[in-house]
Amino acid sequence: MKLAEIQEHLLGDWNGANLLRLSWLTPSDYHSFSRLSVAPVANGKFLSFKYTWSHEDVAQEGLILLGYDDQQGIATAAWVDSWHMSSKIMSCQGAIDEQGAIILRGSYEAPPGPDWGWRIVITPKSGSGLQIVMYTISPEGLEDLAVQADYKRGK
C-alpha cells in the first residue's frame, strides 16, 4: 500500500491516552493524556507525527518524521522522544502493510551489552481512530510492549 492511500486518515489533530510500560518496575504501567498532530512537510514529501505525553507529571514530547518511497515500497523515519531517546535520533526503516499499518524498525545502544531493537507500528483505525504502538526488542529477539497510544480526532 502507498502512503498517499492512507494519508488522509492520518492528517490532523488527535487526542488520546498514552500507556508507558516499564516491565521491570512495579507498578509497570504509567498512563497519561497525549496529543498528536500529523502534518505534511517538505512540500508534502514527508509526514510529521508530533506528539506530547507525560511521565510522573513531567511533560514529554516526541516526533516521527516519515518518508515513503513508492517505487521501492520502503518507509524510512527519524524518531526522537524527550524521554526515550536522550539526545540521539533513531533511524528507522520499514514498510506499509496491506491493511495500511506503517511498520518501522530501529535500534538503540544498551551498553555494555549489544544493541536492542525498537519497533513502531502506526495504524489508522476504522472511523476516526489512530494507534501508535512501540515495542522494545531484546538482542535475543523477544518483543515487549513499551508504549501504546490510542487516539481519536479532535483538538
N, C-alpha and C. Protein backbone atom coordinates (compact mmCIF):
# COMPACT_ATOMS: atom_id res chain seq x y z
N MET A 1 0.85 -1.18 0.00
CA MET A 1 0.00 0.00 0.00
C MET A 1 0.89 1.24 0.00
N LYS A 2 0.43 2.30 -0.62
CA LYS A 2 1.18 3.55 -0.69
C LYS A 2 0.73 4.51 0.40
N LEU A 3 1.65 5.38 0.79
CA LEU A 3 1.35 6.37 1.83
C LEU A 3 0.19 7.27 1.41
N ALA A 4 0.14 7.65 0.15
CA ALA A 4 -0.94 8.53 -0.33
C ALA A 4 -2.31 7.90 -0.12
N GLU A 5 -2.39 6.57 -0.10
CA GLU A 5 -3.67 5.89 0.07
C GLU A 5 -4.20 5.98 1.50
N ILE A 6 -3.31 6.18 2.47
CA ILE A 6 -3.76 6.25 3.87
C ILE A 6 -3.56 7.63 4.49
N GLN A 7 -2.91 8.53 3.76
CA GLN A 7 -2.54 9.83 4.31
C GLN A 7 -3.73 10.61 4.86
N GLU A 8 -4.84 10.63 4.15
CA GLU A 8 -5.99 11.40 4.62
C GLU A 8 -6.53 10.88 5.95
N HIS A 9 -6.31 9.61 6.25
CA HIS A 9 -6.75 9.04 7.52
C HIS A 9 -5.81 9.39 8.67
N LEU A 10 -4.64 9.92 8.34
CA LEU A 10 -3.63 10.25 9.34
C LEU A 10 -3.58 11.73 9.68
N LEU A 11 -3.75 12.59 8.68
CA LEU A 11 -3.57 14.03 8.86
C LEU A 11 -4.55 14.62 9.86
N GLY A 12 -4.06 15.57 10.65
CA GLY A 12 -4.93 16.31 11.55
C GLY A 12 -4.48 16.23 13.00
N ASP A 13 -5.35 16.71 13.87
CA ASP A 13 -5.08 16.76 15.31
C ASP A 13 -5.83 15.64 16.01
N TRP A 14 -5.15 15.03 16.97
CA TRP A 14 -5.67 13.86 17.67
C TRP A 14 -5.47 14.03 19.18
N ASN A 15 -6.38 13.46 19.97
CA ASN A 15 -6.26 13.39 21.43
C ASN A 15 -6.36 11.93 21.82
N GLY A 16 -5.67 11.57 22.90
CA GLY A 16 -5.77 10.17 23.30
C GLY A 16 -5.12 9.85 24.61
N ALA A 17 -5.03 8.56 24.85
CA ALA A 17 -4.46 8.01 26.07
C ALA A 17 -3.14 7.34 25.72
N ASN A 18 -2.13 7.62 26.54
CA ASN A 18 -0.80 7.04 26.35
C ASN A 18 -0.51 6.08 27.50
N LEU A 19 -0.03 4.90 27.16
CA LEU A 19 0.43 3.93 28.14
C LEU A 19 1.93 3.75 27.95
N LEU A 20 2.69 3.99 29.00
CA LEU A 20 4.12 3.70 29.03
C LEU A 20 4.28 2.48 29.90
N ARG A 21 4.87 1.42 29.36
CA ARG A 21 5.06 0.19 30.15
C ARG A 21 6.55 0.01 30.43
N LEU A 22 6.85 0.00 31.71
CA LEU A 22 8.20 -0.26 32.19
C LEU A 22 8.16 -1.61 32.89
N SER A 23 8.31 -2.68 32.13
CA SER A 23 8.04 -4.04 32.61
C SER A 23 8.93 -4.46 33.77
N TRP A 24 10.05 -3.80 33.97
CA TRP A 24 10.95 -4.18 35.04
C TRP A 24 10.59 -3.53 36.38
N LEU A 25 9.57 -2.65 36.39
CA LEU A 25 9.15 -1.96 37.61
C LEU A 25 7.79 -2.45 38.07
N THR A 26 7.49 -2.22 39.35
CA THR A 26 6.16 -2.46 39.89
C THR A 26 5.72 -1.19 40.58
N PRO A 27 4.64 -0.53 40.16
CA PRO A 27 3.81 -0.91 39.01
C PRO A 27 4.56 -0.64 37.70
N SER A 28 4.12 -1.33 36.66
CA SER A 28 4.81 -1.23 35.38
C SER A 28 4.13 -0.27 34.41
N ASP A 29 2.86 0.04 34.63
CA ASP A 29 2.10 0.84 33.67
C ASP A 29 1.90 2.27 34.15
N TYR A 30 2.23 3.22 33.27
CA TYR A 30 2.06 4.64 33.55
C TYR A 30 1.16 5.23 32.46
N HIS A 31 0.06 5.85 32.88
CA HIS A 31 -0.93 6.37 31.94
C HIS A 31 -0.87 7.90 31.93
N SER A 32 -1.07 8.47 30.74
CA SER A 32 -1.13 9.92 30.62
C SER A 32 -1.97 10.30 29.41
N PHE A 33 -2.37 11.56 29.38
CA PHE A 33 -3.07 12.12 28.24
C PHE A 33 -2.03 12.42 27.17
N SER A 34 -2.41 12.30 25.91
CA SER A 34 -1.49 12.55 24.81
C SER A 34 -2.19 13.33 23.71
N ARG A 35 -1.45 14.20 23.08
CA ARG A 35 -1.90 14.91 21.87
C ARG A 35 -0.97 14.54 20.74
N LEU A 36 -1.54 14.48 19.54
CA LEU A 36 -0.78 14.14 18.34
C LEU A 36 -1.24 15.05 17.22
N SER A 37 -0.28 15.56 16.46
CA SER A 37 -0.58 16.33 15.27
C SER A 37 0.18 15.70 14.11
N VAL A 38 -0.55 15.35 13.05
CA VAL A 38 0.07 14.75 11.87
C VAL A 38 -0.09 15.75 10.72
N ALA A 39 1.04 16.11 10.10
CA ALA A 39 1.02 17.14 9.06
C ALA A 39 2.02 16.80 7.96
N PRO A 40 1.70 17.22 6.73
CA PRO A 40 2.69 17.06 5.65
C PRO A 40 3.79 18.10 5.82
N VAL A 41 5.02 17.74 5.46
CA VAL A 41 6.15 18.68 5.49
C VAL A 41 6.97 18.49 4.22
N ALA A 42 7.84 19.47 3.94
CA ALA A 42 8.72 19.44 2.76
C ALA A 42 7.91 19.22 1.48
N ASN A 43 6.96 20.14 1.27
CA ASN A 43 6.10 20.09 0.08
C ASN A 43 5.34 18.77 -0.04
N GLY A 44 4.96 18.21 1.11
CA GLY A 44 4.14 17.00 1.12
C GLY A 44 4.90 15.71 0.87
N LYS A 45 6.22 15.76 0.82
CA LYS A 45 7.01 14.56 0.58
C LYS A 45 7.16 13.70 1.83
N PHE A 46 6.94 14.31 3.00
CA PHE A 46 7.09 13.61 4.27
C PHE A 46 5.90 13.91 5.16
N LEU A 47 5.71 13.08 6.19
CA LEU A 47 4.71 13.34 7.21
C LEU A 47 5.40 13.51 8.55
N SER A 48 4.93 14.48 9.31
CA SER A 48 5.43 14.73 10.65
C SER A 48 4.37 14.28 11.65
N PHE A 49 4.77 13.40 12.58
CA PHE A 49 3.91 12.96 13.68
C PHE A 49 4.50 13.57 14.95
N LYS A 50 3.90 14.66 15.42
CA LYS A 50 4.41 15.36 16.61
C LYS A 50 3.45 15.08 17.75
N TYR A 51 3.99 14.57 18.88
CA TYR A 51 3.12 14.17 19.97
C TYR A 51 3.65 14.64 21.32
N THR A 52 2.72 14.73 22.29
CA THR A 52 3.06 15.06 23.67
C THR A 52 2.47 13.98 24.57
N TRP A 53 3.10 13.80 25.72
CA TRP A 53 2.63 12.88 26.74
C TRP A 53 3.33 13.28 28.03
N SER A 54 3.13 12.53 29.11
CA SER A 54 3.84 12.85 30.35
C SER A 54 4.18 11.57 31.11
N HIS A 55 5.21 11.68 31.93
CA HIS A 55 5.60 10.58 32.81
C HIS A 55 5.85 11.18 34.19
N GLU A 56 5.09 10.69 35.17
CA GLU A 56 5.16 11.18 36.54
C GLU A 56 5.05 12.70 36.58
N ASP A 57 4.05 13.21 35.86
CA ASP A 57 3.71 14.63 35.80
C ASP A 57 4.79 15.52 35.17
N VAL A 58 5.72 14.93 34.43
CA VAL A 58 6.72 15.70 33.70
C VAL A 58 6.37 15.62 32.22
N ALA A 59 6.17 16.78 31.60
CA ALA A 59 5.78 16.83 30.19
C ALA A 59 6.89 16.26 29.30
N GLN A 60 6.48 15.48 28.30
CA GLN A 60 7.40 14.87 27.34
C GLN A 60 6.86 15.14 25.94
N GLU A 61 7.72 15.04 24.95
CA GLU A 61 7.28 15.19 23.57
C GLU A 61 8.16 14.37 22.64
N GLY A 62 7.60 14.06 21.49
CA GLY A 62 8.34 13.28 20.51
C GLY A 62 7.92 13.65 19.10
N LEU A 63 8.70 13.13 18.15
CA LEU A 63 8.46 13.42 16.75
C LEU A 63 8.91 12.24 15.90
N ILE A 64 8.07 11.85 14.97
CA ILE A 64 8.43 10.87 13.96
C ILE A 64 8.33 11.60 12.62
N LEU A 65 9.42 11.64 11.89
CA LEU A 65 9.43 12.21 10.55
C LEU A 65 9.48 11.05 9.58
N LEU A 66 8.42 10.88 8.80
CA LEU A 66 8.24 9.69 7.96
C LEU A 66 8.32 10.02 6.49
N GLY A 67 9.06 9.22 5.77
CA GLY A 67 9.11 9.30 4.31
C GLY A 67 8.75 7.94 3.73
N TYR A 68 8.31 7.93 2.47
CA TYR A 68 7.94 6.66 1.84
C TYR A 68 8.32 6.67 0.37
N ASP A 69 9.08 5.68 -0.04
CA ASP A 69 9.48 5.52 -1.43
C ASP A 69 8.50 4.57 -2.11
N ASP A 70 7.60 5.12 -2.94
CA ASP A 70 6.58 4.31 -3.60
C ASP A 70 7.16 3.23 -4.49
N GLN A 71 8.23 3.54 -5.21
CA GLN A 71 8.80 2.58 -6.15
C GLN A 71 9.41 1.38 -5.44
N GLN A 72 10.11 1.62 -4.34
CA GLN A 72 10.74 0.53 -3.61
C GLN A 72 9.85 -0.05 -2.51
N GLY A 73 8.78 0.67 -2.15
CA GLY A 73 7.90 0.21 -1.07
C GLY A 73 8.58 0.24 0.28
N ILE A 74 9.44 1.26 0.48
CA ILE A 74 10.20 1.35 1.72
C ILE A 74 9.84 2.63 2.47
N ALA A 75 9.48 2.46 3.75
CA ALA A 75 9.26 3.60 4.63
C ALA A 75 10.54 3.85 5.41
N THR A 76 10.90 5.11 5.57
CA THR A 76 12.03 5.49 6.41
C THR A 76 11.54 6.56 7.38
N ALA A 77 12.17 6.59 8.55
CA ALA A 77 11.75 7.57 9.55
C ALA A 77 12.91 7.93 10.46
N ALA A 78 12.81 9.12 11.01
CA ALA A 78 13.68 9.57 12.09
C ALA A 78 12.77 9.75 13.30
N TRP A 79 13.16 9.16 14.44
CA TRP A 79 12.34 9.24 15.65
C TRP A 79 13.14 9.87 16.77
N VAL A 80 12.54 10.85 17.43
CA VAL A 80 13.10 11.45 18.63
C VAL A 80 12.01 11.51 19.69
N ASP A 81 12.42 11.40 20.94
CA ASP A 81 11.48 11.48 22.05
C ASP A 81 12.26 11.98 23.26
N SER A 82 11.73 12.95 23.96
CA SER A 82 12.44 13.59 25.06
C SER A 82 12.73 12.63 26.21
N TRP A 83 11.95 11.58 26.39
CA TRP A 83 12.16 10.64 27.48
C TRP A 83 12.91 9.39 27.01
N HIS A 84 12.53 8.86 25.88
CA HIS A 84 13.09 7.59 25.40
C HIS A 84 14.48 7.72 24.78
N MET A 85 14.75 8.80 24.08
CA MET A 85 15.91 8.83 23.20
C MET A 85 17.06 9.71 23.68
N SER A 86 16.98 10.31 24.85
CA SER A 86 18.05 11.17 25.29
C SER A 86 18.27 12.24 24.23
N SER A 87 19.48 12.33 23.66
CA SER A 87 19.72 13.35 22.63
C SER A 87 20.09 12.73 21.29
N LYS A 88 19.71 11.47 21.10
CA LYS A 88 20.04 10.79 19.84
C LYS A 88 18.80 10.63 18.97
N ILE A 89 19.02 10.54 17.68
CA ILE A 89 17.94 10.30 16.71
C ILE A 89 18.00 8.83 16.32
N MET A 90 16.84 8.16 16.38
CA MET A 90 16.78 6.77 15.92
C MET A 90 16.35 6.76 14.47
N SER A 91 17.16 6.14 13.64
CA SER A 91 16.83 5.95 12.24
C SER A 91 16.06 4.63 12.10
N CYS A 92 14.93 4.69 11.42
CA CYS A 92 14.07 3.51 11.28
C CYS A 92 13.79 3.23 9.80
N GLN A 93 13.50 1.99 9.51
CA GLN A 93 13.12 1.59 8.16
C GLN A 93 12.03 0.54 8.26
N GLY A 94 11.17 0.50 7.25
CA GLY A 94 10.08 -0.48 7.26
C GLY A 94 9.24 -0.40 6.01
N ALA A 95 7.94 -0.59 6.21
CA ALA A 95 7.02 -0.64 5.08
C ALA A 95 5.61 -0.28 5.56
N ILE A 96 4.70 -0.23 4.60
CA ILE A 96 3.27 -0.09 4.90
C ILE A 96 2.62 -1.40 4.47
N ASP A 97 1.92 -2.07 5.40
CA ASP A 97 1.34 -3.36 5.05
C ASP A 97 0.02 -3.18 4.29
N GLU A 98 -0.59 -4.29 3.88
CA GLU A 98 -1.81 -4.24 3.06
C GLU A 98 -3.00 -3.63 3.77
N GLN A 99 -2.98 -3.62 5.12
CA GLN A 99 -4.07 -3.02 5.89
C GLN A 99 -3.83 -1.54 6.17
N GLY A 100 -2.68 -1.01 5.74
CA GLY A 100 -2.38 0.41 5.94
C GLY A 100 -1.58 0.73 7.18
N ALA A 101 -1.10 -0.29 7.91
CA ALA A 101 -0.26 -0.06 9.08
C ALA A 101 1.17 0.26 8.63
N ILE A 102 1.74 1.28 9.22
CA ILE A 102 3.13 1.66 8.97
C ILE A 102 3.97 0.95 10.02
N ILE A 103 4.90 0.11 9.58
CA ILE A 103 5.71 -0.69 10.50
C ILE A 103 7.17 -0.30 10.31
N LEU A 104 7.79 0.21 11.38
CA LEU A 104 9.15 0.73 11.34
C LEU A 104 10.01 -0.01 12.36
N ARG A 105 11.28 -0.21 12.01
CA ARG A 105 12.22 -0.85 12.93
C ARG A 105 13.49 -0.01 13.03
N GLY A 106 14.00 0.08 14.25
CA GLY A 106 15.26 0.76 14.51
C GLY A 106 15.98 0.04 15.62
N SER A 107 17.07 0.63 16.10
CA SER A 107 17.80 0.04 17.21
C SER A 107 18.44 1.13 18.06
N TYR A 108 18.79 0.74 19.29
CA TYR A 108 19.43 1.69 20.19
C TYR A 108 20.51 0.98 21.00
N GLU A 109 21.48 1.76 21.42
CA GLU A 109 22.59 1.24 22.20
C GLU A 109 22.13 0.91 23.61
N ALA A 110 22.68 -0.17 24.18
CA ALA A 110 22.39 -0.56 25.56
C ALA A 110 23.69 -1.05 26.22
N PRO A 111 24.69 -0.14 26.34
CA PRO A 111 25.98 -0.56 26.89
C PRO A 111 25.83 -1.13 28.30
N PRO A 112 26.61 -2.07 28.70
CA PRO A 112 27.77 -2.59 27.98
C PRO A 112 27.42 -3.76 27.06
N GLY A 113 26.13 -4.06 26.90
CA GLY A 113 25.71 -5.18 26.07
C GLY A 113 25.47 -4.78 24.63
N PRO A 114 24.91 -5.72 23.86
CA PRO A 114 24.60 -5.44 22.46
C PRO A 114 23.42 -4.49 22.31
N ASP A 115 23.27 -3.95 21.12
CA ASP A 115 22.14 -3.06 20.82
C ASP A 115 20.82 -3.80 20.98
N TRP A 116 19.78 -3.05 21.30
CA TRP A 116 18.42 -3.56 21.37
C TRP A 116 17.65 -3.00 20.18
N GLY A 117 16.59 -3.69 19.79
CA GLY A 117 15.74 -3.23 18.70
C GLY A 117 14.54 -2.47 19.20
N TRP A 118 13.91 -1.75 18.28
CA TRP A 118 12.70 -0.96 18.58
C TRP A 118 11.80 -1.09 17.36
N ARG A 119 10.53 -1.33 17.61
CA ARG A 119 9.55 -1.42 16.52
C ARG A 119 8.42 -0.46 16.81
N ILE A 120 8.06 0.33 15.80
CA ILE A 120 6.95 1.29 15.89
C ILE A 120 5.91 0.87 14.86
N VAL A 121 4.64 0.78 15.30
CA VAL A 121 3.54 0.45 14.40
C VAL A 121 2.50 1.57 14.50
N ILE A 122 2.25 2.24 13.38
CA ILE A 122 1.25 3.31 13.31
C ILE A 122 0.09 2.77 12.50
N THR A 123 -1.08 2.66 13.14
CA THR A 123 -2.23 2.02 12.50
C THR A 123 -3.43 2.95 12.46
N PRO A 124 -3.87 3.36 11.26
CA PRO A 124 -5.15 4.08 11.16
C PRO A 124 -6.27 3.08 11.48
N LYS A 125 -7.16 3.46 12.37
CA LYS A 125 -8.27 2.59 12.74
C LYS A 125 -9.52 3.00 11.99
N SER A 126 -10.45 2.07 11.85
CA SER A 126 -11.70 2.40 11.16
C SER A 126 -12.40 3.54 11.89
N GLY A 127 -13.09 4.35 11.14
CA GLY A 127 -13.73 5.52 11.72
C GLY A 127 -12.73 6.63 11.94
N SER A 128 -12.63 7.10 13.17
CA SER A 128 -11.76 8.25 13.43
C SER A 128 -10.68 7.92 14.46
N GLY A 129 -10.11 6.73 14.39
CA GLY A 129 -9.08 6.35 15.35
C GLY A 129 -7.72 6.18 14.72
N LEU A 130 -6.71 6.26 15.56
CA LEU A 130 -5.32 6.08 15.17
C LEU A 130 -4.59 5.51 16.37
N GLN A 131 -3.74 4.52 16.14
CA GLN A 131 -2.99 3.91 17.23
C GLN A 131 -1.51 3.90 16.88
N ILE A 132 -0.68 4.23 17.88
CA ILE A 132 0.77 4.11 17.75
C ILE A 132 1.24 3.19 18.87
N VAL A 133 1.88 2.09 18.48
CA VAL A 133 2.38 1.12 19.45
C VAL A 133 3.88 0.97 19.22
N MET A 134 4.63 0.92 20.32
CA MET A 134 6.08 0.78 20.25
C MET A 134 6.50 -0.41 21.11
N TYR A 135 7.45 -1.18 20.57
CA TYR A 135 7.94 -2.37 21.25
C TYR A 135 9.46 -2.28 21.38
N THR A 136 9.97 -2.74 22.49
CA THR A 136 11.40 -2.92 22.64
C THR A 136 11.70 -4.38 22.30
N ILE A 137 12.86 -4.62 21.67
CA ILE A 137 13.21 -5.97 21.22
C ILE A 137 14.58 -6.31 21.78
N SER A 138 14.63 -7.36 22.58
CA SER A 138 15.89 -7.78 23.19
C SER A 138 16.86 -8.29 22.12
N PRO A 139 18.16 -8.37 22.45
CA PRO A 139 19.11 -8.93 21.49
C PRO A 139 18.76 -10.36 21.07
N GLU A 140 17.98 -11.06 21.90
CA GLU A 140 17.55 -12.42 21.57
C GLU A 140 16.30 -12.43 20.69
N GLY A 141 15.74 -11.25 20.40
CA GLY A 141 14.58 -11.14 19.54
C GLY A 141 13.24 -11.15 20.24
N LEU A 142 13.22 -11.08 21.57
CA LEU A 142 11.96 -11.07 22.33
C LEU A 142 11.40 -9.65 22.38
N GLU A 143 10.13 -9.51 21.98
CA GLU A 143 9.48 -8.20 21.98
C GLU A 143 8.69 -7.99 23.26
N ASP A 144 8.67 -6.75 23.71
CA ASP A 144 7.92 -6.37 24.90
C ASP A 144 7.27 -5.02 24.64
N LEU A 145 5.99 -4.90 24.96
CA LEU A 145 5.28 -3.63 24.78
C LEU A 145 5.97 -2.53 25.59
N ALA A 146 6.24 -1.41 24.94
CA ALA A 146 6.85 -0.26 25.60
C ALA A 146 5.88 0.92 25.69
N VAL A 147 5.15 1.19 24.60
CA VAL A 147 4.23 2.32 24.53
C VAL A 147 3.01 1.92 23.70
N GLN A 148 1.84 2.35 24.16
CA GLN A 148 0.63 2.23 23.34
C GLN A 148 -0.17 3.50 23.49
N ALA A 149 -0.38 4.19 22.38
CA ALA A 149 -1.16 5.43 22.37
C ALA A 149 -2.34 5.25 21.45
N ASP A 150 -3.54 5.46 21.99
CA ASP A 150 -4.79 5.33 21.22
C ASP A 150 -5.42 6.70 21.10
N TYR A 151 -5.63 7.14 19.86
CA TYR A 151 -6.10 8.49 19.57
C TYR A 151 -7.45 8.52 18.90
N LYS A 152 -8.15 9.64 19.14
CA LYS A 152 -9.38 9.99 18.43
C LYS A 152 -9.20 11.40 17.91
N ARG A 153 -9.90 11.73 16.84
CA ARG A 153 -9.78 13.08 16.25
C ARG A 153 -10.27 14.14 17.22
N GLY A 154 -9.64 15.29 17.16
CA GLY A 154 -10.08 16.42 17.98
C GLY A 154 -8.93 17.29 18.40
N LYS A 155 -9.25 18.47 18.90
CA LYS A 155 -8.21 19.40 19.37
C LYS A 155 -8.14 19.39 20.85
